[in-house]
Amino acid sequence: MSGDIANQSLRIVIVEDEAPARQKLKMQLAQVAGVELVAECDNPQMAIQTIEQYRPDVVLLDIELGELNGFDVLDAISHPCHIIFTTAYGEYAIRAFESRALDYLLKPFNIARLREALSRVQVTQHHQNNPFQMLGEKPLISKVGDKMRVLDYHDIVYITTSHGICRAVEATSEYHLEGTLESLLAILPGHYLRVHRNCIVNAKKVWQIEKWQNGSYLLRFRDHPHPVTTSRSGAGLIKQAFNL
């Protein structure tokens, strides 16, 4: 592969709490053709908000970020993007790739290693020959016997996973979905928030938010009797989404 990104323009967000490291990354990116630095963040809370707002193709994500870490950020965001971890700690590599990271750059890394990681990115081309993509949504399908049910995003309260099986929960019905929460996030509208490792909620269905244990929230829904508990990082996403 060539050293630069050919025929693509990758939109990149940097998440790094140390100013010298951020500056070095910016200098390195300035020497890579076909990339655009759209934002930089020095804390995880800002990172979550920025990623959801700017919807980049790639996030260069540090792991040690203070109270929350890079994995907390990854759990909290709903926007599907390529994650390249940048860290001084080698012990997180297995967990990073289990989280479907595109690459894991161990500091200090040189520009050639950064180029190599970025050259692996395949930018999704939107709005090509697909009417659902032109509307900003793809159909969500549940197979029921020999039939396929097309679900309405408006009707879904939340999507959860248990024992490797994803379920879309509506007011009075549940439907099995193929794939993982990660793959589903790639097609869900922006108002779906991953508030827990095992749960994505439709923010438009949230009726009541209660403070819960260890900084989490209990979410109640107007047309569904069972509440959902967020993780602590998910609570941060709820705070931002509802301006709490």
C-alpha atoms as a PDB file:
ATOM      1  CA  MET A   1       0.000   0.000   0.000  1.00  0.00           C
ATOM      2  CA  SER A   2       1.140   3.557  -0.505  1.00  0.00           C
ATOM      3  CA  GLY A   3       2.161   5.698   2.419  1.00  0.00           C
ATOM      4  CA  ASP A   4      -0.797   8.054   2.166  1.00  0.00           C
ATOM      5  CA  ILE A   5      -4.557   7.632   1.933  1.00  0.00           C
ATOM      6  CA  ALA A   6      -5.441   7.468  -1.738  1.00  0.00           C
ATOM      7  CA  ASN A   7      -8.738   8.748  -3.109  1.00  0.00           C
ATOM      8  CA  GLN A   8     -10.186   9.251   0.355  1.00  0.00           C
ATOM      9  CA  SER A   9     -10.583  12.046   2.852  1.00  0.00           C
ATOM     10  CA  LEU A  10     -10.580  10.676   6.375  1.00  0.00           C
ATOM     11  CA  ARG A  11     -12.155  12.889   9.025  1.00  0.00           C
ATOM     12  CA  ILE A  12     -10.244  12.367  12.268  1.00  0.00           C
ATOM     13  CA  VAL A  13     -10.778  13.215  15.939  1.00  0.00           C
ATOM     14  CA  ILE A  14      -7.884  13.033  18.418  1.00  0.00           C
ATOM     15  CA  VAL A  15      -8.621  12.059  22.025  1.00  0.00           C
ATOM     16  CA  GLU A  16      -5.498  12.617  24.123  1.00  0.00           C
ATOM     17  CA  ASP A  17      -5.202  14.196  27.580  1.00  0.00           C
ATOM     18  CA  GLU A  18      -1.520  15.185  27.325  1.00  0.00           C
ATOM     19  CA  ALA A  19      -0.841  18.345  25.324  1.00  0.00           C
ATOM     20  CA  PRO A  20       2.619  17.286  24.001  1.00  0.00           C
ATOM     21  CA  ALA A  21       1.179  14.006  22.702  1.00  0.00           C
ATOM     22  CA  ARG A  22      -1.718  15.835  21.025  1.00  0.00           C
ATOM     23  CA  GLN A  23       0.705  18.246  19.377  1.00  0.00           C
ATOM     24  CA  LYS A  24       2.887  15.392  18.100  1.00  0.00           C
ATOM     25  CA  LEU A  25      -0.158  13.621  16.621  1.00  0.00           C
ATOM     26  CA  LYS A  26      -1.266  16.826  14.906  1.00  0.00           C
ATOM     27  CA  MET A  27       2.200  17.290  13.403  1.00  0.00           C
ATOM     28  CA  GLN A  28       2.216  13.704  12.168  1.00  0.00           C
ATOM     29  CA  LEU A  29      -1.264  13.983  10.648  1.00  0.00           C
ATOM     30  CA  ALA A  30      -0.206  17.161   8.864  1.00  0.00           C
ATOM     31  CA  GLN A  31       2.273  15.016   6.932  1.00  0.00           C
ATOM     32  CA  VAL A  32      -0.318  12.453   5.819  1.00  0.00           C
ATOM     33  CA  ALA A  33      -2.227  13.243   2.636  1.00  0.00           C
ATOM     34  CA  GLY A  34      -5.975  12.712   2.492  1.00  0.00           C
ATOM     35  CA  VAL A  35      -6.815  13.276   6.162  1.00  0.00           C
ATOM     36  CA  GLU A  36      -8.643  16.083   7.923  1.00  0.00           C
ATOM     37  CA  LEU A  37      -8.346  16.745  11.660  1.00  0.00           C
ATOM     38  CA  VAL A  38     -11.837  17.927  12.617  1.00  0.00           C
ATOM     39  CA  ALA A  39     -11.438  18.119  16.415  1.00  0.00           C
ATOM     40  CA  GLU A  40      -9.192  17.314  19.355  1.00  0.00           C
ATOM     41  CA  CYS A  41     -10.250  16.444  22.907  1.00  0.00           C
ATOM     42  CA  ASP A  42      -8.358  16.344  26.193  1.00  0.00           C
ATOM     43  CA  ASN A  43     -10.936  14.508  28.337  1.00  0.00           C
ATOM     44  CA  PRO A  44     -13.373  11.593  27.849  1.00  0.00           C
ATOM     45  CA  GLN A  45     -16.571  13.569  28.451  1.00  0.00           C
ATOM     46  CA  MET A  46     -15.633  16.053  25.747  1.00  0.00           C
ATOM     47  CA  ALA A  47     -14.623  13.143  23.505  1.00  0.00           C
ATOM     48  CA  ILE A  48     -18.035  11.468  23.713  1.00  0.00           C
ATOM     49  CA  GLN A  49     -19.836  14.704  22.859  1.00  0.00           C
ATOM     50  CA  THR A  50     -17.410  15.600  20.078  1.00  0.00           C
ATOM     51  CA  ILE A  51     -17.557  12.197  18.386  1.00  0.00           C
ATOM     52  CA  GLU A  52     -21.362  12.254  18.399  1.00  0.00           C
ATOM     53  CA  GLN A  53     -21.385  15.820  17.061  1.00  0.00           C
ATOM     54  CA  TYR A  54     -18.715  15.580  14.343  1.00  0.00           C
ATOM     55  CA  ARG A  55     -19.235  11.893  13.399  1.00  0.00           C
ATOM     56  CA  PRO A  56     -15.654  11.284  12.238  1.00  0.00           C
ATOM     57  CA  ASP A  57     -14.366   8.367  10.177  1.00  0.00           C
ATOM     58  CA  VAL A  58     -11.499   7.695  12.596  1.00  0.00           C
ATOM     59  CA  VAL A  59     -10.834   8.344  16.281  1.00  0.00           C
ATOM     60  CA  LEU A  60      -7.244   8.275  17.549  1.00  0.00           C
ATOM     61  CA  LEU A  61      -8.048   7.287  21.116  1.00  0.00           C
ATOM     62  CA  ASP A  62      -5.777   7.254  24.148  1.00  0.00           C
ATOM     63  CA  ILE A  63      -6.647   4.761  26.907  1.00  0.00           C
ATOM     64  CA  GLU A  64      -5.585   6.405  30.176  1.00  0.00           C
ATOM     65  CA  LEU A  65      -7.751   9.533  30.326  1.00  0.00           C
ATOM     66  CA  GLY A  66      -8.401  10.070  34.026  1.00  0.00           C
ATOM     67  CA  GLU A  67     -11.705   9.149  35.648  1.00  0.00           C
ATOM     68  CA  LEU A  68     -12.951   7.445  32.485  1.00  0.00           C
ATOM     69  CA  ASN A  69     -10.746   5.604  30.012  1.00  0.00           C
ATOM     70  CA  GLY A  70     -10.752   5.014  26.290  1.00  0.00           C
ATOM     71  CA  PHE A  71     -12.889   1.904  26.625  1.00  0.00           C
ATOM     72  CA  ASP A  72     -15.517   3.924  28.508  1.00  0.00           C
ATOM     73  CA  VAL A  73     -15.584   6.360  25.601  1.00  0.00           C
ATOM     74  CA  LEU A  74     -15.963   3.476  23.166  1.00  0.00           C
ATOM     75  CA  ASP A  75     -18.855   2.057  25.203  1.00  0.00           C
ATOM     76  CA  ALA A  76     -20.610   5.424  25.369  1.00  0.00           C
ATOM     77  CA  ILE A  77     -20.544   6.520  21.746  1.00  0.00           C
ATOM     78  CA  SER A  78     -23.270   5.496  19.311  1.00  0.00           C
ATOM     79  CA  HIS A  79     -21.601   6.800  16.136  1.00  0.00           C
ATOM     80  CA  PRO A  80     -19.924   3.947  14.217  1.00  0.00           C
ATOM     81  CA  CYS A  81     -16.320   4.869  13.445  1.00  0.00           C
ATOM     82  CA  HIS A  82     -12.904   3.285  13.177  1.00  0.00           C
ATOM     83  CA  ILE A  83     -10.978   3.260  16.471  1.00  0.00           C
ATOM     84  CA  ILE A  84      -7.192   3.361  16.540  1.00  0.00           C
ATOM     85  CA  PHE A  85      -5.916   3.211  20.099  1.00  0.00           C
ATOM     86  CA  THR A  86      -2.805   5.264  20.884  1.00  0.00           C
ATOM     87  CA  THR A  87      -1.290   4.378  24.248  1.00  0.00           C
ATOM     88  CA  ALA A  88       1.895   3.853  26.209  1.00  0.00           C
ATOM     89  CA  TYR A  89       0.477   0.679  27.799  1.00  0.00           C
ATOM     90  CA  GLY A  90       0.858  -2.629  25.986  1.00  0.00           C
ATOM     91  CA  GLU A  91      -1.305  -4.657  28.366  1.00  0.00           C
ATOM     92  CA  TYR A  92      -4.594  -3.407  26.878  1.00  0.00           C
ATOM     93  CA  ALA A  93      -3.949  -4.738  23.370  1.00  0.00           C
ATOM     94  CA  ILE A  94      -6.061  -7.909  23.651  1.00  0.00           C
ATOM     95  CA  ARG A  95      -9.003  -6.005  25.085  1.00  0.00           C
ATOM     96  CA  ALA A  96      -8.642  -3.372  22.378  1.00  0.00           C
ATOM     97  CA  PHE A  97      -8.920  -5.868  19.542  1.00  0.00           C
ATOM     98  CA  GLU A  98     -11.767  -7.659  21.329  1.00  0.00           C
ATOM     99  CA  SER A  99     -13.486  -4.258  21.182  1.00  0.00           C
ATOM    100  CA  ARG A 100     -12.966  -4.340  17.389  1.00  0.00           C
ATOM    101  CA  ALA A 101     -10.285  -1.673  17.336  1.00  0.00           C
ATOM    102  CA  LEU A 102      -8.799  -1.189  13.896  1.00  0.00           C
ATOM    103  CA  ASP A 103      -5.266  -0.878  15.261  1.00  0.00           C
ATOM    104  CA  TYR A 104      -3.256  -0.408  18.450  1.00  0.00           C
ATOM    105  CA  LEU A 105      -0.359   2.030  18.337  1.00  0.00           C
ATOM    106  CA  LEU A 106       2.119   1.781  21.173  1.00  0.00           C
ATOM    107  CA  LYS A 107       3.785   5.069  22.077  1.00  0.00           C
ATOM    108  CA  PRO A 108       6.170   6.307  20.940  1.00  0.00           C
ATOM    109  CA  PHE A 109       5.212   5.427  17.357  1.00  0.00           C
ATOM    110  CA  ASN A 110       6.565   7.052  14.214  1.00  0.00           C
ATOM    111  CA  ILE A 111       4.722   8.527  11.253  1.00  0.00           C
ATOM    112  CA  ALA A 112       5.249   5.373   9.178  1.00  0.00           C
ATOM    113  CA  ARG A 113       3.347   3.327  11.774  1.00  0.00           C
ATOM    114  CA  LEU A 114       0.553   5.912  11.857  1.00  0.00           C
ATOM    115  CA  ARG A 115       0.323   5.872   8.058  1.00  0.00           C
ATOM    116  CA  GLU A 116       0.122   2.084   8.124  1.00  0.00           C
ATOM    117  CA  ALA A 117      -2.811   2.173  10.548  1.00  0.00           C
ATOM    118  CA  LEU A 118      -4.679   4.846   8.584  1.00  0.00           C
ATOM    119  CA  SER A 119      -4.127   3.037   5.290  1.00  0.00           C
ATOM    120  CA  ARG A 120      -6.286   0.184   6.613  1.00  0.00           C
ATOM    121  CA  VAL A 121      -9.327   2.380   6.987  1.00  0.00           C
ATOM    122  CA  GLN A 122     -12.137   1.800   4.552  1.00  0.00           C
ATOM    123  CA  VAL A 123     -14.405   4.833   4.595  1.00  0.00           C
ATOM    124  CA  THR A 124     -18.046   3.909   4.196  1.00  0.00           C
ATOM    125  CA  GLN A 125     -19.516   5.600   1.162  1.00  0.00           C
ATOM    126  CA  HIS A 126     -22.976   6.921   2.047  1.00  0.00           C
ATOM    127  CA  HIS A 127     -25.976   7.509  -0.193  1.00  0.00           C
ATOM    128  CA  GLN A 128     -24.915   5.131  -2.968  1.00  0.00           C
ATOM    129  CA  ASN A 129     -27.715   3.321  -4.750  1.00  0.00           C
ATOM    130  CA  ASN A 130     -29.679   2.701  -1.564  1.00  0.00           C
ATOM    131  CA  PRO A 131     -32.869   4.683  -0.889  1.00  0.00           C
ATOM    132  CA  PHE A 132     -32.718   3.956   2.848  1.00  0.00           C
ATOM    133  CA  GLN A 133     -29.218   5.438   3.032  1.00  0.00           C
ATOM    134  CA  MET A 134     -30.486   8.498   1.183  1.00  0.00           C
ATOM    135  CA  LEU A 135     -33.043   8.884   3.956  1.00  0.00           C
ATOM    136  CA  GLY A 136     -30.293   8.474   6.554  1.00  0.00           C
ATOM    137  CA  GLU A 137     -31.555   5.060   7.698  1.00  0.00           C
ATOM    138  CA  LYS A 138     -31.214   1.415   6.726  1.00  0.00           C
ATOM    139  CA  PRO A 139     -33.990  -1.106   7.284  1.00  0.00           C
ATOM    140  CA  LEU A 140     -33.877  -3.118  10.513  1.00  0.00           C
ATOM    141  CA  ILE A 141     -34.968  -6.686   9.783  1.00  0.00           C
ATOM    142  CA  SER A 142     -36.139  -9.434  12.141  1.00  0.00           C
ATOM    143  CA  LYS A 143     -36.554 -12.949  10.759  1.00  0.00           C
ATOM    144  CA  VAL A 144     -39.705 -14.627  12.044  1.00  0.00           C
ATOM    145  CA  GLY A 145     -39.890 -18.175  10.730  1.00  0.00           C
ATOM    146  CA  ASP A 146     -39.866 -17.963   6.949  1.00  0.00           C
ATOM    147  CA  LYS A 147     -40.890 -14.312   7.034  1.00  0.00           C
ATOM    148  CA  MET A 148     -38.910 -11.124   7.503  1.00  0.00           C
ATOM    149  CA  ARG A 149     -40.380  -8.352   9.636  1.00  0.00           C
ATOM    150  CA  VAL A 150     -39.277  -4.790   8.856  1.00  0.00           C
ATOM    151  CA  LEU A 151     -39.151  -2.954  12.190  1.00  0.00           C
ATOM    152  CA  ASP A 152     -40.042   0.697  12.633  1.00  0.00           C
ATOM    153  CA  TYR A 153     -37.302   2.656  14.399  1.00  0.00           C
ATOM    154  CA  HIS A 154     -39.982   4.771  16.065  1.00  0.00           C
ATOM    155  CA  ASP A 155     -41.536   1.734  17.791  1.00  0.00           C
ATOM    156  CA  ILE A 156     -38.379   0.288  19.341  1.00  0.00           C
ATOM    157  CA  VAL A 157     -37.847   1.147  23.014  1.00  0.00           C
ATOM    158  CA  TYR A 158     -34.429  -0.437  23.387  1.00  0.00           C
ATOM    159  CA  ILE A 159     -32.191  -3.146  21.960  1.00  0.00           C
ATOM    160  CA  THR A 160     -30.477  -5.556  24.312  1.00  0.00           C
ATOM    161  CA  THR A 161     -28.237  -8.599  24.039  1.00  0.00           C
ATOM    162  CA  SER A 162     -28.024 -11.737  26.138  1.00  0.00           C
ATOM    163  CA  HIS A 163     -26.029 -14.905  25.465  1.00  0.00           C
ATOM    164  CA  GLY A 164     -25.005 -13.498  22.102  1.00  0.00           C
ATOM    165  CA  ILE A 165     -28.572 -12.853  20.900  1.00  0.00           C
ATOM    166  CA  CYS A 166     -29.828  -9.321  20.226  1.00  0.00           C
ATOM    167  CA  ARG A 167     -33.476  -8.437  20.835  1.00  0.00           C
ATOM    168  CA  ALA A 168     -35.381  -5.343  19.763  1.00  0.00           C
ATOM    169  CA  VAL A 169     -37.918  -4.545  22.496  1.00  0.00           C
ATOM    170  CA  GLU A 170     -41.115  -2.687  21.620  1.00  0.00           C
ATOM    171  CA  ALA A 171     -44.011  -1.761  23.909  1.00  0.00           C
ATOM    172  CA  THR A 172     -45.565  -5.240  23.871  1.00  0.00           C
ATOM    173  CA  SER A 173     -43.357  -7.289  21.543  1.00  0.00           C
ATOM    174  CA  GLU A 174     -39.779  -8.462  21.132  1.00  0.00           C
ATOM    175  CA  TYR A 175     -37.924  -9.398  17.953  1.00  0.00           C
ATOM    176  CA  HIS A 176     -34.655 -11.261  17.481  1.00  0.00           C
ATOM    177  CA  LEU A 177     -32.037  -9.442  15.429  1.00  0.00           C
ATOM    178  CA  GLU A 178     -28.999 -10.795  13.653  1.00  0.00           C
ATOM    179  CA  GLY A 179     -25.589  -9.300  14.361  1.00  0.00           C
ATOM    180  CA  THR A 180     -24.040  -7.618  17.400  1.00  0.00           C
ATOM    181  CA  LEU A 181     -24.777  -4.348  19.164  1.00  0.00           C
ATOM    182  CA  GLU A 182     -21.698  -2.926  17.457  1.00  0.00           C
ATOM    183  CA  SER A 183     -22.964  -3.814  13.986  1.00  0.00           C
ATOM    184  CA  LEU A 184     -26.462  -2.545  14.807  1.00  0.00           C
ATOM    185  CA  LEU A 185     -25.054   0.814  15.937  1.00  0.00           C
ATOM    186  CA  ALA A 186     -23.726   1.257  12.410  1.00  0.00           C
ATOM    187  CA  ILE A 187     -27.283   1.471  11.017  1.00  0.00           C
ATOM    188  CA  LEU A 188     -29.270   2.961  13.904  1.00  0.00           C
ATOM    189  CA  PRO A 189     -30.309   6.651  13.863  1.00  0.00           C
ATOM    190  CA  GLY A 190     -28.366   9.083  16.026  1.00  0.00           C
ATOM    191  CA  HIS A 191     -30.983   9.222  18.806  1.00  0.00           C
ATOM    192  CA  TYR A 192     -30.182   5.623  19.751  1.00  0.00           C
ATOM    193  CA  LEU A 193     -27.681   5.716  22.615  1.00  0.00           C
ATOM    194  CA  ARG A 194     -25.539   2.866  23.894  1.00  0.00           C
ATOM    195  CA  VAL A 195     -26.079   3.359  27.620  1.00  0.00           C
ATOM    196  CA  HIS A 196     -24.621   0.019  28.676  1.00  0.00           C
ATOM    197  CA  ARG A 197     -22.362  -2.617  27.182  1.00  0.00           C
ATOM    198  CA  ASN A 198     -25.471  -4.771  26.668  1.00  0.00           C
ATOM    199  CA  CYS A 199     -28.096  -2.155  25.832  1.00  0.00           C
ATOM    200  CA  ILE A 200     -28.942   0.574  23.314  1.00  0.00           C
ATOM    201  CA  VAL A 201     -31.936   2.789  24.108  1.00  0.00           C
ATOM    202  CA  ASN A 202     -34.132   4.932  21.899  1.00  0.00           C
ATOM    203  CA  ALA A 203     -33.695   8.327  23.587  1.00  0.00           C
ATOM    204  CA  LYS A 204     -37.030   9.478  22.170  1.00  0.00           C
ATOM    205  CA  LYS A 205     -38.756   6.806  24.283  1.00  0.00           C
ATOM    206  CA  VAL A 206     -37.183   7.833  27.614  1.00  0.00           C
ATOM    207  CA  TRP A 207     -39.877   9.227  29.904  1.00  0.00           C
ATOM    208  CA  GLN A 208     -38.142   9.479  33.302  1.00  0.00           C
ATOM    209  CA  ILE A 209     -34.519   9.547  34.439  1.00  0.00           C
ATOM    210  CA  GLU A 210     -33.635   8.617  38.022  1.00  0.00           C
ATOM    211  CA  LYS A 211     -30.284   8.779  39.774  1.00  0.00           C
ATOM    212  CA  TRP A 212     -29.128   5.258  40.577  1.00  0.00           C
ATOM    213  CA  GLN A 213     -26.156   3.540  42.156  1.00  0.00           C
ATOM    214  CA  ASN A 214     -22.503   4.453  41.565  1.00  0.00           C
ATOM    215  CA  GLY A 215     -23.280   7.397  39.314  1.00  0.00           C
ATOM    216  CA  SER A 216     -25.563   5.485  36.939  1.00  0.00           C
ATOM    217  CA  TYR A 217     -29.141   6.281  35.914  1.00  0.00           C
ATOM    218  CA  LEU A 218     -32.375   4.308  35.849  1.00  0.00           C
ATOM    219  CA  LEU A 219     -34.299   5.021  32.653  1.00  0.00           C
ATOM    220  CA  ARG A 220     -38.073   4.552  32.520  1.00  0.00           C
ATOM    221  CA  PHE A 221     -40.203   4.468  29.396  1.00  0.00           C
ATOM    222  CA  ARG A 222     -43.746   5.689  28.886  1.00  0.00           C
ATOM    223  CA  ASP A 223     -44.973   2.703  26.895  1.00  0.00           C
ATOM    224  CA  HIS A 224     -42.840  -0.123  28.339  1.00  0.00           C
ATOM    225  CA  PRO A 225     -42.956  -1.356  31.957  1.00  0.00           C
ATOM    226  CA  HIS A 226     -39.349  -2.460  32.438  1.00  0.00           C
ATOM    227  CA  PRO A 227     -36.663   0.184  33.132  1.00  0.00           C
ATOM    228  CA  VAL A 228     -33.046   0.094  31.964  1.00  0.00           C
ATOM    229  CA  THR A 229     -29.999   0.835  34.118  1.00  0.00           C
ATOM    230  CA  THR A 230     -27.099   2.651  32.486  1.00  0.00           C
ATOM    231  CA  SER A 231     -23.425   2.104  33.116  1.00  0.00           C
ATOM    232  CA  ARG A 232     -21.498   5.013  34.601  1.00  0.00           C
ATOM    233  CA  SER A 233     -20.146   5.976  31.184  1.00  0.00           C
ATOM    234  CA  GLY A 234     -23.639   5.556  29.741  1.00  0.00           C
ATOM    235  CA  ALA A 235     -24.880   7.997  32.365  1.00  0.00           C
ATOM    236  CA  GLY A 236     -22.431  10.546  30.975  1.00  0.00           C
ATOM    237  CA  LEU A 237     -23.928  10.099  27.528  1.00  0.00           C
ATOM    238  CA  ILE A 238     -27.451  10.554  28.957  1.00  0.00           C
ATOM    239  CA  LYS A 239     -26.344  13.753  30.685  1.00  0.00           C
ATOM    240  CA  GLN A 240     -25.111  15.167  27.407  1.00  0.00           C
ATOM    241  CA  ALA A 241     -28.093  14.007  25.383  1.00  0.00           C
ATOM    242  CA  PHE A 242     -30.626  15.521  27.812  1.00  0.00           C
ATOM    243  CA  ASN A 243     -28.505  18.491  28.971  1.00  0.00           C
ATOM    244  CA  LEU A 244     -28.630  17.351  32.601  1.00  0.00           C
END
